[in-house]
């Protein structure tokens, strides 16, 4: 697991990256849908976590993005984060 915070033109980017197998490309956009759990849903859950995170990001003027990494694993990024007070 790796956590990265970077500055970008649109604000800060917080990215959490793992070193697992990644997610099938056709499932990536669906992971943000309410109640969708993906094809490897061995863990318990309701499929709401990423939907909630995405909505909270929107309320703060940021956006949530998911991407498979070229070296393997998934990166979940919050983009457009602003520093407290501006």
Protein backbone atom coordinates (compact mmCIF):
# COMPACT_ATOMS: atom_id res chain seq x y z
CA UNK A 1 0.00 0.00 0.00
CA UNK A 2 1.29 3.43 -0.91
CA UNK A 3 -0.22 6.85 -0.13
CA UNK A 4 0.90 9.85 -2.20
CA UNK A 5 -0.03 13.54 -1.92
CA UNK A 6 1.00 15.79 -4.80
CA UNK A 7 0.35 19.37 -5.87
CA UNK A 8 -1.19 19.91 -9.29
CA UNK A 9 -2.59 22.85 -11.23
CA UNK A 10 -6.13 22.01 -10.08
CA UNK A 11 -5.25 21.52 -6.40
CA UNK A 12 -3.79 18.65 -4.45
CA UNK A 13 -4.11 14.98 -5.39
CA UNK A 14 -4.35 12.27 -2.72
CA UNK A 15 -3.73 8.83 -4.17
CA UNK A 16 -3.88 5.44 -2.45
CA UNK A 17 -2.24 2.68 -4.46
CA UNK A 18 -2.09 -1.04 -3.79
CA UNK A 19 -0.01 -3.78 -5.38
CA UNK A 20 -2.80 -6.28 -6.01
CA UNK A 21 -3.97 -7.61 -9.37
CA UNK A 22 -5.93 -4.47 -10.26
CA UNK A 23 -9.51 -4.43 -11.52
CA UNK A 24 -10.79 -5.61 -14.92
CA UNK A 25 -10.92 -2.49 -17.15
CA UNK A 26 -14.63 -2.91 -17.91
CA UNK A 27 -15.43 -2.85 -14.18
CA UNK A 28 -13.50 0.33 -13.27
CA UNK A 29 -16.30 2.81 -14.10
CA UNK A 30 -18.92 0.59 -12.46
CA UNK A 31 -17.08 0.55 -9.11
CA UNK A 32 -18.42 4.06 -8.51
CA UNK A 33 -22.03 2.90 -9.00
CA UNK A 34 -24.18 2.42 -5.94
CA UNK A 35 -24.37 -1.24 -4.81
CA UNK A 36 -21.93 -2.52 -7.47
CA UNK A 37 -19.37 -4.89 -5.94
CA UNK A 38 -17.28 -6.18 -8.84
CA UNK A 39 -16.58 -9.73 -9.94
CA UNK A 40 -14.19 -10.53 -7.09
CA UNK A 41 -16.44 -9.57 -4.19
CA UNK A 42 -15.17 -12.14 -1.70
CA UNK A 43 -15.14 -9.52 1.06
CA UNK A 44 -18.41 -8.55 2.68
CA UNK A 45 -19.89 -5.17 1.92
CA UNK A 46 -22.81 -3.39 0.34
CA UNK A 47 -21.06 -1.68 -2.57
CA UNK A 48 -21.58 1.82 -1.17
CA UNK A 49 -18.10 2.84 0.03
CA UNK A 50 -16.67 4.33 -3.17
CA UNK A 51 -20.03 5.93 -4.01
CA UNK A 52 -20.01 7.71 -0.64
CA UNK A 53 -16.37 8.80 -1.03
CA UNK A 54 -17.14 10.13 -4.53
CA UNK A 55 -20.09 12.16 -3.27
CA UNK A 56 -18.09 13.62 -0.36
CA UNK A 57 -15.34 14.56 -2.84
CA UNK A 58 -17.93 16.35 -5.03
CA UNK A 59 -19.24 18.29 -2.03
CA UNK A 60 -15.69 19.53 -1.45
CA UNK A 61 -15.10 20.48 -5.09
CA UNK A 62 -12.90 17.45 -5.79
CA UNK A 63 -13.36 14.30 -7.86
CA UNK A 64 -12.67 10.60 -7.36
CA UNK A 65 -10.78 8.59 -10.00
CA UNK A 66 -9.86 4.90 -10.25
CA UNK A 67 -7.08 3.56 -12.46
CA UNK A 68 -5.07 0.38 -12.84
CA UNK A 69 -1.35 1.03 -12.50
CA UNK A 70 1.04 -0.05 -15.30
CA UNK A 71 3.13 -1.93 -12.72
CA UNK A 72 0.02 -3.63 -11.27
CA UNK A 73 -2.46 -2.68 -8.61
CA UNK A 74 -5.21 -0.09 -8.36
CA UNK A 75 -4.88 3.62 -7.62
CA UNK A 76 -7.79 5.50 -6.06
CA UNK A 77 -7.25 9.25 -6.34
CA UNK A 78 -9.01 12.32 -4.99
CA UNK A 79 -8.20 15.18 -7.36
CA UNK A 80 -8.75 18.90 -6.89
CA UNK A 81 -8.37 19.00 -3.11
CA UNK A 82 -7.88 22.46 -1.63
CA UNK A 83 -5.84 23.33 1.44
CA UNK A 84 -7.82 24.35 4.53
CA UNK A 85 -8.57 28.06 4.46
CA UNK A 86 -8.15 28.38 0.70
